[in-house]
Amino acid sequence: MVTKTIAGSVRVATIFIVATFLVYSSIVGALVYHGHSSAEDRAESSAAAAAKAVKINTGWIVEVARQALRRMDFALGSDVQSSQSATLVSIKDALEGLPDSAKAYIVTAEGQTLYTTDPNAPNIDIRDREYFAVPAGGQQFFTSSLLTSRIDGSPIFTFSQRLEREGAFVGVAIISFDAALLGELLASLGLGQGAALAILRADGMLVARYPPVDGPLDLSQHVIFKDHLPNADAGAYISTSPIDGEKRFVGYQTLPDSALIAIASGRYDETMARFWRRVQVFLAIVIPTILALAACAIWIIRLLRREAQKNEALETALEANTMLFREIHHRVKNNMQSMQALVAMHKLPKTVETNFKLRLAAMSTVHEHMYNHDKYAALDAPAFIASMTENIFKAHGASEHLSLDIDRISISHEQATSLAMLINEVVTNSLKYAGSDRDTAEIRIRLKLLGNNRANLVIVDNGPGFDPKTRPLGMGTKIIQGMALQLQGTYSYAFDGGTIFSLEFPVA
């Protein structure tokens, strides 16, 4: 039973430890997952904030270009064929405030470059270029897609304005910007390695990007135009770049007045690498803790199993001892019965023979209860006394009335034999003398638990009584005295309509 209890404890402990380990691991996993989601949210927020900066910078470029183009138009005067040197000075003044990399051009309706701030510009026909053809077609202000410069092959984008005199088209004023202009802004945003900035037109054409790309690019079928811009003018998302195939956090902002979209993006791997480095530091602390807990759990389980094995061995030994004790008490009881048979073989007086047999039976009853009920430390007083007195009555063949009032007291095995011998002598005496002058004798036995771990045994009969002082000291009286002494008790006789025997003794 103990082994089963401990084995159950081992199972419960194992289940508890495994459950704790799983819960702890789940918490760590949930923290990592939540941290991963938070890192992505922060990266998207950072990309969205950077897109706002790109929007502001792009808005400034557009506005500066508009004003510069207007001033160039004004600087030309009414006659675009006037002195070139004076007009060129006025145009240079109109371009004040633009980045150093910006270049201005004025091209006549016939495609001839009339004025330019680029000393290396060749005199080529640009009427096939979109930034000339669209204004020539009637649009007042136009933003080009990304272009490759015919002069040095660098990526550029342009703003152009239609020039009219008296309602007639006379040419186009153009300002070009190097796409590398976004590089200075990108460096200031702290988006990490692999980040990129871009400006898109509302029709999906790429206007500018840094790091630069070669030639124009149509992104109208990309996720930003298909999924995000139709739902919101600004936001952030995670997507794979159609330009370089890198997975990025992308923030975007629209410029409604110029039909442009500002883009800022950080490389996903670079951003999340910082998060995973923090996770590695966290796990460097957590994993040893989990392993230590696991080691402690295994150690505890082994201790419990070792304890279970010890208790199993103890139970086996206890069962063997129980069998041994049972066999011993059984043999003692059989020996008592053999002694009773030996007494019967001698031709003794009937009274002497009965007394011998009852005394042996009283001792035998103690051992019989021990091995029948596995009560080796203590006997239950009610069953033990009832069995013993039944044997006494059978031995006398008496028809006397017996009443028992026994409290549930445990009698230790050290006291059991002494108590049995004492009760045997007192009840035998009552059976001898109580019924001598009566048709039916009555015997009452009462055992009550007193305070302070003491008990009181009272045996009452309805006999004529006797005088203890004048009564000869026989074997029965000597046995009563000796057993009372062994029980560390005191006894007395009283006479009130019969003999009253009272014994007070300590119990465990």
Protein backbone atom coordinates (compact mmCIF):
# COMPACT_ATOMS: atom_id res chain seq x y z
CA MET A 1 0.00 0.00 0.00
CA VAL A 2 2.83 2.38 0.91
CA THR A 3 4.67 1.47 -2.30
CA LYS A 4 1.55 2.17 -4.34
CA THR A 5 1.18 5.52 -2.58
CA ILE A 6 4.79 6.47 -3.27
CA ALA A 7 4.55 5.18 -6.84
CA GLY A 8 1.47 7.37 -7.22
CA SER A 9 3.45 10.26 -5.75
CA VAL A 10 6.23 9.61 -8.28
CA ARG A 11 3.69 9.72 -11.12
CA VAL A 12 2.09 12.86 -9.74
CA ALA A 13 5.50 14.48 -9.24
CA THR A 14 6.55 13.49 -12.77
CA ILE A 15 3.34 14.85 -14.25
CA PHE A 16 3.67 18.05 -12.21
CA ILE A 17 7.32 18.55 -13.19
CA VAL A 18 6.63 17.85 -16.87
CA ALA A 19 3.59 20.15 -16.76
CA THR A 20 5.66 22.86 -15.05
CA PHE A 21 8.39 22.43 -17.65
CA LEU A 22 5.86 22.66 -20.48
CA VAL A 23 4.17 25.71 -18.92
CA TYR A 24 7.53 27.39 -18.37
CA SER A 25 8.59 26.59 -21.94
CA SER A 26 5.22 27.83 -23.21
CA ILE A 27 5.67 31.09 -21.32
CA VAL A 28 9.16 31.52 -22.77
CA GLY A 29 7.82 30.67 -26.24
CA ALA A 30 4.93 33.11 -25.78
CA LEU A 31 7.37 35.83 -24.68
CA VAL A 32 9.58 35.19 -27.71
CA TYR A 33 6.54 35.15 -30.01
CA HIS A 34 5.18 38.34 -28.44
CA GLY A 35 8.64 39.93 -28.66
CA HIS A 36 8.86 38.91 -32.32
CA SER A 37 5.46 40.46 -33.04
CA SER A 38 6.43 43.58 -31.09
CA ALA A 39 9.71 43.83 -32.99
CA GLU A 40 7.82 43.63 -36.28
CA ASP A 41 5.33 46.26 -35.08
CA ARG A 42 8.17 48.57 -34.00
CA ALA A 43 9.95 48.05 -37.32
CA GLU A 44 6.75 48.86 -39.24
CA SER A 45 6.23 51.96 -37.07
CA SER A 46 9.83 52.99 -37.73
CA ALA A 47 9.34 52.51 -41.48
CA ALA A 48 6.11 54.51 -41.33
CA ALA A 49 7.88 57.34 -39.45
CA ALA A 50 10.73 57.30 -41.98
CA ALA A 51 8.16 57.47 -44.81
CA LYS A 52 6.83 60.68 -43.25
CA ALA A 53 10.35 62.13 -43.40
CA VAL A 54 10.62 61.08 -47.06
CA LYS A 55 7.21 62.65 -47.72
CA ILE A 56 8.31 65.94 -46.19
CA ASN A 57 11.58 65.91 -48.12
CA THR A 58 9.82 64.97 -51.36
CA GLY A 59 7.24 67.69 -50.82
CA TRP A 60 10.07 70.16 -50.35
CA ILE A 61 11.75 69.01 -53.59
CA VAL A 62 8.48 69.30 -55.52
CA GLU A 63 7.71 72.73 -54.13
CA VAL A 64 11.23 74.03 -54.73
CA ALA A 65 11.10 72.68 -58.29
CA ARG A 66 7.71 74.34 -58.93
CA GLN A 67 8.91 77.71 -57.68
CA ALA A 68 12.19 77.44 -59.58
CA LEU A 69 10.36 76.59 -62.80
CA ARG A 70 8.04 79.56 -62.33
CA ARG A 71 10.99 81.86 -61.75
CA MET A 72 12.70 80.46 -64.84
CA ASP A 73 9.56 81.16 -66.87
CA PHE A 74 9.48 84.68 -65.51
CA ALA A 75 13.21 85.18 -66.11
CA LEU A 76 12.79 84.38 -69.82
CA GLY A 77 10.63 87.42 -70.32
CA SER A 78 8.29 87.83 -73.23
CA ASP A 79 10.90 87.15 -75.89
CA VAL A 80 12.60 83.81 -75.44
CA GLN A 81 15.09 84.75 -78.15
CA SER A 82 16.63 87.72 -76.29
CA SER A 83 20.24 88.04 -75.19
CA GLN A 84 21.33 84.63 -73.96
CA SER A 85 23.95 85.92 -71.52
CA ALA A 86 21.53 88.19 -69.66
CA THR A 87 18.82 85.58 -69.63
CA LEU A 88 21.23 82.95 -68.33
CA VAL A 89 22.14 85.15 -65.37
CA SER A 90 18.45 85.60 -64.56
CA ILE A 91 17.85 81.85 -64.81
CA LYS A 92 20.79 81.11 -62.49
CA ASP A 93 19.30 83.53 -59.98
CA ALA A 94 15.96 81.73 -60.30
CA LEU A 95 17.62 78.43 -59.41
CA GLU A 96 19.08 79.68 -56.17
CA GLY A 97 18.20 77.35 -53.27
CA LEU A 98 18.17 74.17 -55.33
CA PRO A 99 20.61 71.33 -54.51
CA ASP A 100 23.98 71.61 -56.22
CA SER A 101 23.25 68.49 -58.24
CA ALA A 102 20.09 70.00 -59.74
CA LYS A 103 20.37 71.08 -63.37
CA ALA A 104 18.06 73.36 -65.32
CA TYR A 105 17.19 73.35 -69.00
CA ILE A 106 15.04 75.45 -71.31
CA VAL A 107 14.16 73.72 -74.54
CA THR A 108 12.34 75.42 -77.40
CA ALA A 109 9.28 73.99 -79.10
CA GLU A 110 11.56 72.79 -81.90
CA GLY A 111 13.63 70.71 -79.42
CA GLN A 112 16.61 73.08 -79.31
CA THR A 113 18.26 73.53 -75.89
CA LEU A 114 18.15 77.26 -75.44
CA TYR A 115 19.58 77.57 -71.95
CA THR A 116 21.14 75.12 -69.46
CA THR A 117 23.13 75.24 -66.23
CA ASP A 118 24.99 72.07 -67.25
CA PRO A 119 28.16 73.02 -69.11
CA ASN A 120 28.55 69.43 -70.34
CA ALA A 121 25.07 69.14 -71.82
CA PRO A 122 25.13 68.19 -75.50
CA ASN A 123 22.75 69.86 -77.87
CA ILE A 124 20.48 66.88 -78.51
CA ASP A 125 16.84 66.61 -79.49
CA ILE A 126 14.79 65.62 -76.42
CA ARG A 127 11.34 65.88 -77.96
CA ASP A 128 11.02 62.08 -77.72
CA ARG A 129 11.40 62.27 -73.94
CA GLU A 130 8.28 62.05 -71.83
CA TYR A 131 9.22 65.05 -69.72
CA PHE A 132 9.10 67.16 -72.96
CA ALA A 133 6.30 65.42 -74.80
CA VAL A 134 3.74 65.58 -71.98
CA PRO A 135 4.04 69.37 -71.37
CA ALA A 136 4.15 69.89 -75.13
CA GLY A 137 0.86 68.02 -75.24
CA GLY A 138 -0.74 70.56 -72.90
CA GLN A 139 -0.02 69.47 -69.28
CA GLN A 140 1.30 72.40 -67.28
CA PHE A 141 3.49 70.53 -64.74
CA PHE A 142 4.93 67.06 -65.09
CA THR A 143 7.03 64.69 -62.94
CA SER A 144 9.03 62.14 -64.87
CA SER A 145 9.70 58.53 -63.95
CA LEU A 146 13.23 57.40 -63.22
CA LEU A 147 15.53 58.16 -66.15
CA THR A 148 19.06 57.37 -67.18
CA SER A 149 21.02 60.50 -68.00
CA ARG A 150 22.23 60.68 -71.61
CA ILE A 151 25.15 62.74 -70.40
CA ASP A 152 26.77 60.57 -67.67
CA GLY A 153 24.47 57.54 -67.38
CA SER A 154 23.40 58.36 -63.79
CA PRO A 155 19.81 57.80 -62.62
CA ILE A 156 17.84 61.04 -62.55
CA PHE A 157 14.28 62.32 -62.36
CA THR A 158 12.90 65.59 -63.67
CA PHE A 159 10.19 68.17 -63.18
CA SER A 160 9.09 70.08 -66.27
CA GLN A 161 6.73 72.98 -66.98
CA ARG A 162 5.01 74.03 -70.21
CA LEU A 163 6.10 77.44 -71.49
CA GLU A 164 3.53 79.62 -73.32
CA ARG A 165 3.59 83.09 -74.79
CA GLU A 166 0.30 84.66 -75.82
CA GLY A 167 -1.34 81.23 -75.57
CA ALA A 168 1.13 79.55 -77.86
CA PHE A 169 3.51 76.73 -76.84
CA VAL A 170 7.08 77.99 -77.04
CA GLY A 171 9.03 75.34 -75.08
CA VAL A 172 9.59 73.45 -71.83
CA ALA A 173 11.48 74.42 -68.68
CA ILE A 174 13.10 71.41 -67.01
CA ILE A 175 14.87 70.77 -63.71
CA SER A 176 16.60 67.42 -63.18
CA PHE A 177 17.65 65.90 -59.87
CA ASP A 178 20.13 63.12 -59.25
CA ALA A 179 18.41 60.14 -57.59
CA ALA A 180 21.38 59.99 -55.19
CA LEU A 181 19.74 63.00 -53.52
CA LEU A 182 17.81 60.48 -51.36
CA GLY A 183 21.06 58.99 -50.07
CA GLU A 184 21.76 61.84 -47.63
CA LEU A 185 18.24 61.52 -46.23
CA LEU A 186 18.55 57.73 -45.91
CA ALA A 187 21.77 58.05 -43.91
CA SER A 188 20.01 60.34 -41.40
CA LEU A 189 17.04 58.01 -40.78
CA GLY A 190 18.95 55.14 -39.13
CA LEU A 191 17.02 52.33 -40.81
CA GLY A 192 20.08 50.06 -40.84
CA GLN A 193 21.93 48.28 -43.58
CA GLY A 194 19.93 47.29 -46.62
CA ALA A 195 17.38 50.08 -46.13
CA ALA A 196 15.98 51.91 -49.15
CA LEU A 197 14.04 55.08 -49.95
CA ALA A 198 11.91 55.62 -53.04
CA ILE A 199 9.46 57.99 -54.68
CA LEU A 200 6.68 56.55 -56.83
CA ARG A 201 4.20 58.16 -59.16
CA ALA A 202 0.52 57.45 -58.67
CA ASP A 203 0.50 55.44 -61.93
CA GLY A 204 3.06 53.03 -60.42
CA MET A 205 6.19 54.33 -62.15
CA LEU A 206 9.35 54.59 -60.06
CA VAL A 207 10.55 58.22 -59.86
CA ALA A 208 13.61 57.89 -57.66
CA ARG A 209 15.28 55.30 -55.43
CA TYR A 210 18.30 54.97 -53.25
CA PRO A 211 20.20 52.72 -53.52
CA PRO A 212 19.83 53.48 -57.23
CA VAL A 213 18.50 51.16 -59.93
CA ASP A 214 18.97 51.20 -63.68
CA GLY A 215 16.22 52.66 -65.79
CA PRO A 216 12.48 53.09 -65.30
CA LEU A 217 10.36 50.50 -63.44
CA ASP A 218 6.60 49.94 -63.44
CA LEU A 219 5.33 48.88 -59.99
CA SER A 220 1.63 49.28 -60.68
CA GLN A 221 1.05 45.54 -60.12
CA HIS A 222 2.95 45.47 -56.84
CA VAL A 223 1.22 44.86 -53.51
CA ILE A 224 1.33 48.53 -52.49
CA PHE A 225 -0.94 49.54 -55.40
CA LYS A 226 -3.14 46.45 -55.32
CA ASP A 227 -3.68 45.99 -51.57
CA HIS A 228 -2.60 49.00 -49.54
CA LEU A 229 -3.12 52.30 -51.34
CA PRO A 230 -6.77 51.48 -52.21
CA ASN A 231 -7.43 51.15 -48.45
CA ALA A 232 -5.27 53.88 -46.91
CA ASP A 233 -3.18 56.87 -47.99
CA ALA A 234 -0.49 55.97 -45.44
CA GLY A 235 0.61 52.85 -43.62
CA ALA A 236 3.19 50.10 -43.27
CA TYR A 237 3.47 46.48 -44.34
CA ILE A 238 5.93 43.62 -44.88
CA SER A 239 6.71 42.65 -48.45
CA THR A 240 9.39 41.33 -50.76
CA SER A 241 10.88 44.05 -52.93
CA PRO A 242 10.29 43.58 -56.69
CA ILE A 243 13.57 45.43 -57.30
CA ASP A 244 16.15 43.38 -55.40
CA GLY A 245 14.05 40.51 -53.92
CA GLU A 246 14.79 41.54 -50.32
CA LYS A 247 12.07 41.13 -47.72
CA ARG A 248 11.44 44.51 -46.12
CA PHE A 249 9.35 46.53 -43.69
CA VAL A 250 7.78 49.20 -45.89
CA GLY A 251 6.24 52.50 -44.82
CA TYR A 252 4.40 54.69 -47.32
CA GLN A 253 2.89 58.19 -47.41
CA THR A 254 1.02 59.84 -50.29
CA LEU A 255 1.52 63.43 -51.45
CA PRO A 256 -1.99 64.26 -52.75
CA ASP A 257 -1.03 67.57 -54.40
CA SER A 258 1.69 66.02 -56.54
CA ALA A 259 0.33 62.47 -57.07
CA LEU A 260 3.51 61.02 -55.60
CA ILE A 261 4.06 58.32 -52.95
CA ALA A 262 6.99 58.47 -50.51
CA ILE A 263 8.47 55.10 -49.56
CA ALA A 264 10.88 54.15 -46.75
CA SER A 265 11.86 50.52 -46.13
CA GLY A 266 14.19 48.59 -43.83
CA ARG A 267 15.50 45.12 -44.60
CA TYR A 268 13.58 42.48 -42.67
CA ASP A 269 16.56 40.23 -41.97
CA GLU A 270 18.68 43.11 -40.70
CA THR A 271 15.93 44.42 -38.45
CA MET A 272 14.97 41.01 -37.05
CA ALA A 273 18.62 40.05 -36.58
CA ARG A 274 18.78 42.68 -33.85
CA PHE A 275 15.74 41.12 -32.24
CA TRP A 276 17.20 37.60 -32.42
CA ARG A 277 20.43 38.82 -30.88
CA ARG A 278 18.39 40.05 -27.90
CA VAL A 279 16.56 36.71 -27.86
CA GLN A 280 19.90 34.89 -27.78
CA VAL A 281 20.93 36.91 -24.74
CA PHE A 282 17.56 36.17 -23.13
CA LEU A 283 17.80 32.46 -23.93
CA ALA A 284 21.39 32.38 -22.67
CA ILE A 285 19.87 33.16 -19.26
CA VAL A 286 16.64 31.17 -19.59
CA ILE A 287 17.95 27.91 -21.10
CA PRO A 288 20.45 27.21 -18.28
CA THR A 289 17.62 27.92 -15.84
CA ILE A 290 15.33 25.46 -17.64
CA LEU A 291 18.12 22.87 -17.79
CA ALA A 292 18.80 23.37 -14.07
CA LEU A 293 15.10 22.89 -13.33
CA ALA A 294 15.06 19.79 -15.52
CA ALA A 295 18.12 18.42 -13.71
CA CYS A 296 16.47 19.10 -10.34
CA ALA A 297 13.27 17.46 -11.59
CA ILE A 298 15.16 14.34 -12.71
CA TRP A 299 17.00 14.26 -9.38
CA ILE A 300 13.72 14.53 -7.46
CA ILE A 301 12.09 11.81 -9.56
CA ARG A 302 15.08 9.53 -9.00
CA LEU A 303 14.90 10.18 -5.26
CA LEU A 304 11.21 9.35 -5.26
CA ARG A 305 11.79 6.20 -7.27
CA ARG A 306 14.63 5.20 -4.96
CA GLU A 307 12.33 5.82 -2.00
CA ALA A 308 9.65 3.75 -3.71
CA GLN A 309 12.14 0.91 -4.19
CA LYS A 310 13.19 1.12 -0.53
CA ASN A 311 9.58 1.07 0.59
CA GLU A 312 8.85 -1.83 -1.73
CA ALA A 313 11.71 -3.72 -0.11
CA LEU A 314 10.40 -2.75 3.34
CA GLU A 315 6.92 -3.90 2.39
CA THR A 316 8.31 -7.20 1.18
CA ALA A 317 10.20 -7.56 4.45
CA LEU A 318 7.08 -6.57 6.38
CA GLU A 319 5.02 -9.17 4.57
CA ALA A 320 7.67 -11.77 5.35
CA ASN A 321 7.73 -10.70 9.00
CA THR A 322 3.94 -10.74 9.11
CA MET A 323 3.93 -14.28 7.81
CA LEU A 324 6.60 -15.19 10.32
CA PHE A 325 4.71 -13.61 13.24
CA ARG A 326 1.51 -15.27 12.12
CA GLU A 327 3.27 -18.61 11.93
CA ILE A 328 4.82 -18.09 15.37
CA HIS A 329 1.52 -17.20 17.02
CA HIS A 330 -0.18 -20.03 15.18
CA ARG A 331 2.43 -22.48 16.45
CA VAL A 332 2.14 -21.09 20.00
CA LYS A 333 -1.63 -21.50 19.83
CA ASN A 334 -1.18 -25.08 18.55
CA ASN A 335 1.30 -25.76 21.31
CA MET A 336 -1.24 -24.50 23.85
CA GLN A 337 -3.78 -26.88 22.41
CA SER A 338 -1.21 -29.70 22.56
CA MET A 339 -0.62 -28.86 26.20
CA GLN A 340 -4.37 -28.99 26.82
CA ALA A 341 -4.42 -32.45 25.21
CA LEU A 342 -1.52 -33.55 27.41
CA VAL A 343 -3.39 -32.33 30.51
CA ALA A 344 -6.42 -34.32 29.41
CA MET A 345 -4.27 -37.46 29.12
CA HIS A 346 -3.40 -37.31 32.82
CA LYS A 347 -5.98 -38.55 35.23
CA LEU A 348 -6.43 -35.28 37.12
CA PRO A 349 -9.41 -34.20 39.13
CA LYS A 350 -12.05 -32.64 36.91
CA THR A 351 -11.76 -29.22 38.54
CA VAL A 352 -7.98 -29.15 38.25
CA GLU A 353 -8.12 -30.31 34.64
CA THR A 354 -10.69 -27.62 33.74
CA ASN A 355 -8.64 -24.89 35.42
CA PHE A 356 -5.50 -25.94 33.55
CA LYS A 357 -7.32 -26.04 30.25
CA LEU A 358 -8.95 -22.63 30.76
CA ARG A 359 -5.68 -21.00 31.68
CA LEU A 360 -4.04 -22.44 28.60
CA ALA A 361 -7.09 -21.43 26.51
CA ALA A 362 -6.87 -17.86 27.79
CA MET A 363 -3.28 -17.61 26.60
CA SER A 364 -4.16 -19.40 23.37
CA THR A 365 -6.96 -16.92 22.67
CA VAL A 366 -4.46 -14.07 22.71
CA HIS A 367 -2.27 -15.69 20.06
CA GLU A 368 -5.28 -16.78 18.03
CA HIS A 369 -6.50 -13.18 17.78
CA MET A 370 -3.05 -11.99 16.86
CA TYR A 371 -2.62 -14.23 13.83
CA ASN A 372 -6.29 -14.23 12.77
CA HIS A 373 -6.62 -10.46 12.82
CA ASP A 374 -3.00 -9.42 12.10
CA LYS A 375 -3.03 -7.48 15.38
CA TYR A 376 0.53 -7.81 16.59
CA ALA A 377 0.89 -4.48 18.36
CA ALA A 378 -2.52 -4.36 20.05
CA LEU A 379 -5.81 -6.26 20.27
CA ASP A 380 -9.34 -4.89 20.08
CA ALA A 381 -10.77 -5.38 23.56
CA PRO A 382 -14.44 -6.11 22.61
CA ALA A 383 -13.73 -9.01 20.23
CA PHE A 384 -10.85 -10.37 22.30
CA ILE A 385 -12.78 -10.48 25.63
CA ALA A 386 -15.96 -11.81 23.98
CA SER A 387 -14.05 -14.72 22.39
CA MET A 388 -12.24 -15.58 25.58
CA THR A 389 -15.32 -15.54 27.85
CA GLU A 390 -17.19 -17.67 25.33
CA ASN A 391 -14.53 -20.36 25.71
CA ILE A 392 -14.83 -20.20 29.52
CA PHE A 393 -18.60 -20.65 29.42
CA LYS A 394 -18.32 -23.54 26.99
CA ALA A 395 -15.76 -25.25 29.22
CA HIS A 396 -18.14 -25.10 32.20
CA GLY A 397 -21.16 -26.09 30.12
CA ALA A 398 -22.96 -23.32 31.97
CA SER A 399 -26.27 -21.72 31.13
CA GLU A 400 -25.41 -18.50 32.93
CA HIS A 401 -26.31 -15.17 31.46
CA LEU A 402 -23.35 -13.04 30.32
CA SER A 403 -23.53 -9.36 29.41
CA LEU A 404 -20.59 -7.41 28.03
CA ASP A 405 -20.12 -3.65 27.97
CA ILE A 406 -16.67 -3.15 26.49
CA ASP A 407 -15.31 0.15 25.15
CA ARG A 408 -13.28 0.05 21.97
CA ILE A 409 -9.91 -0.03 23.68
CA SER A 410 -6.71 -1.32 22.13
CA ILE A 411 -4.90 -3.71 24.49
CA SER A 412 -1.16 -3.94 23.82
CA HIS A 413 0.32 -7.38 23.26
CA GLU A 414 2.37 -6.94 26.47
CA GLN A 415 -0.89 -6.59 28.46
CA ALA A 416 -3.11 -8.99 26.51
CA THR A 417 -1.96 -12.27 28.12
CA SER A 418 -1.99 -10.84 31.66
CA LEU A 419 -5.50 -9.41 31.15
CA ALA A 420 -6.73 -12.67 29.62
CA MET A 421 -5.38 -14.72 32.55
CA LEU A 422 -6.90 -12.33 35.09
CA ILE A 423 -10.35 -12.29 33.44
CA ASN A 424 -10.21 -16.10 33.14
CA GLU A 425 -9.59 -16.54 36.90
CA VAL A 426 -12.23 -14.01 38.00
CA VAL A 427 -14.93 -15.32 35.61
CA THR A 428 -14.08 -18.94 36.51
CA ASN A 429 -14.48 -18.12 40.20
CA SER A 430 -17.82 -16.46 39.46
CA LEU A 431 -19.01 -19.50 37.55
CA LYS A 432 -17.91 -21.71 40.43
CA TYR A 433 -19.57 -19.80 43.21
CA ALA A 434 -22.21 -17.48 41.74
CA GLY A 435 -24.44 -20.33 40.65
CA SER A 436 -23.93 -22.53 43.66
CA ASP A 437 -27.22 -21.60 45.28
CA ARG A 438 -29.11 -20.28 42.24
CA ASP A 439 -30.68 -21.84 39.23
CA THR A 440 -29.18 -19.23 36.91
CA ALA A 441 -26.17 -17.06 37.56
CA GLU A 442 -25.57 -13.74 35.96
CA ILE A 443 -22.19 -12.32 35.12
CA ARG A 444 -21.57 -8.81 33.82
CA ILE A 445 -18.24 -7.64 32.45
CA ARG A 446 -17.60 -3.96 31.87
CA LEU A 447 -14.40 -2.33 30.56
CA LYS A 448 -14.41 1.46 30.38
CA LEU A 449 -11.78 3.98 29.35
CA LEU A 450 -11.01 6.53 32.04
CA GLY A 451 -9.09 9.76 31.73
CA ASN A 452 -5.29 9.95 31.74
CA ASN A 453 -4.96 6.76 29.62
CA ARG A 454 -6.36 4.45 32.28
CA ALA A 455 -9.07 1.84 32.07
CA ASN A 456 -11.41 0.23 34.61
CA LEU A 457 -12.40 -3.47 34.43
CA VAL A 458 -15.43 -4.51 36.46
CA ILE A 459 -16.71 -8.11 36.71
CA VAL A 460 -19.98 -8.54 38.62
CA ASP A 461 -21.86 -11.71 39.52
CA ASN A 462 -24.98 -12.38 41.57
CA GLY A 463 -23.35 -15.01 43.81
CA PRO A 464 -23.30 -15.12 47.61
CA GLY A 465 -19.92 -13.42 47.79
CA PHE A 466 -16.99 -14.25 50.09
CA ASP A 467 -14.69 -12.71 52.63
CA PRO A 468 -11.30 -12.07 51.00
CA LYS A 469 -9.65 -12.02 54.44
CA THR A 470 -10.79 -15.49 55.48
CA ARG A 471 -10.64 -17.07 52.03
CA PRO A 472 -7.58 -19.32 51.59
CA LEU A 473 -4.89 -18.10 49.16
CA GLY A 474 -5.34 -20.54 46.28
CA MET A 475 -3.75 -20.73 42.84
CA GLY A 476 -6.48 -18.57 41.28
CA THR A 477 -5.96 -15.78 43.79
CA LYS A 478 -2.21 -15.90 43.26
CA ILE A 479 -2.72 -15.65 39.49
CA ILE A 480 -5.05 -12.65 39.93
CA GLN A 481 -2.51 -10.91 42.14
CA GLY A 482 0.37 -11.67 39.75
CA MET A 483 -1.53 -10.54 36.64
CA ALA A 484 -2.70 -7.33 38.32
CA LEU A 485 0.91 -6.64 39.23
CA GLN A 486 2.03 -7.24 35.64
CA LEU A 487 -0.71 -4.87 34.43
CA GLN A 488 0.55 -2.25 36.92
CA GLY A 489 -2.98 -2.02 38.19
CA THR A 490 -4.82 -2.18 41.51
CA TYR A 491 -7.85 -4.32 42.20
CA SER A 492 -10.49 -4.66 44.87
CA TYR A 493 -13.55 -6.72 45.78
CA ALA A 494 -16.91 -5.40 46.88
CA PHE A 495 -20.16 -7.18 47.74
CA ASP A 496 -23.59 -5.79 46.91
CA GLY A 497 -26.04 -8.50 45.91
CA GLY A 498 -23.08 -10.43 44.54
CA THR A 499 -19.35 -10.14 44.08
CA ILE A 500 -17.93 -7.07 42.37
CA PHE A 501 -14.35 -7.30 41.13
CA SER A 502 -12.75 -3.96 40.02
CA LEU A 503 -9.38 -3.43 38.41
CA GLU A 504 -7.90 -0.10 37.34
CA PHE A 505 -4.85 -0.23 35.09
CA PRO A 506 -3.03 1.93 32.52
CA VAL A 507 -3.52 1.49 28.78
CA ALA A 508 -1.45 2.82 25.91
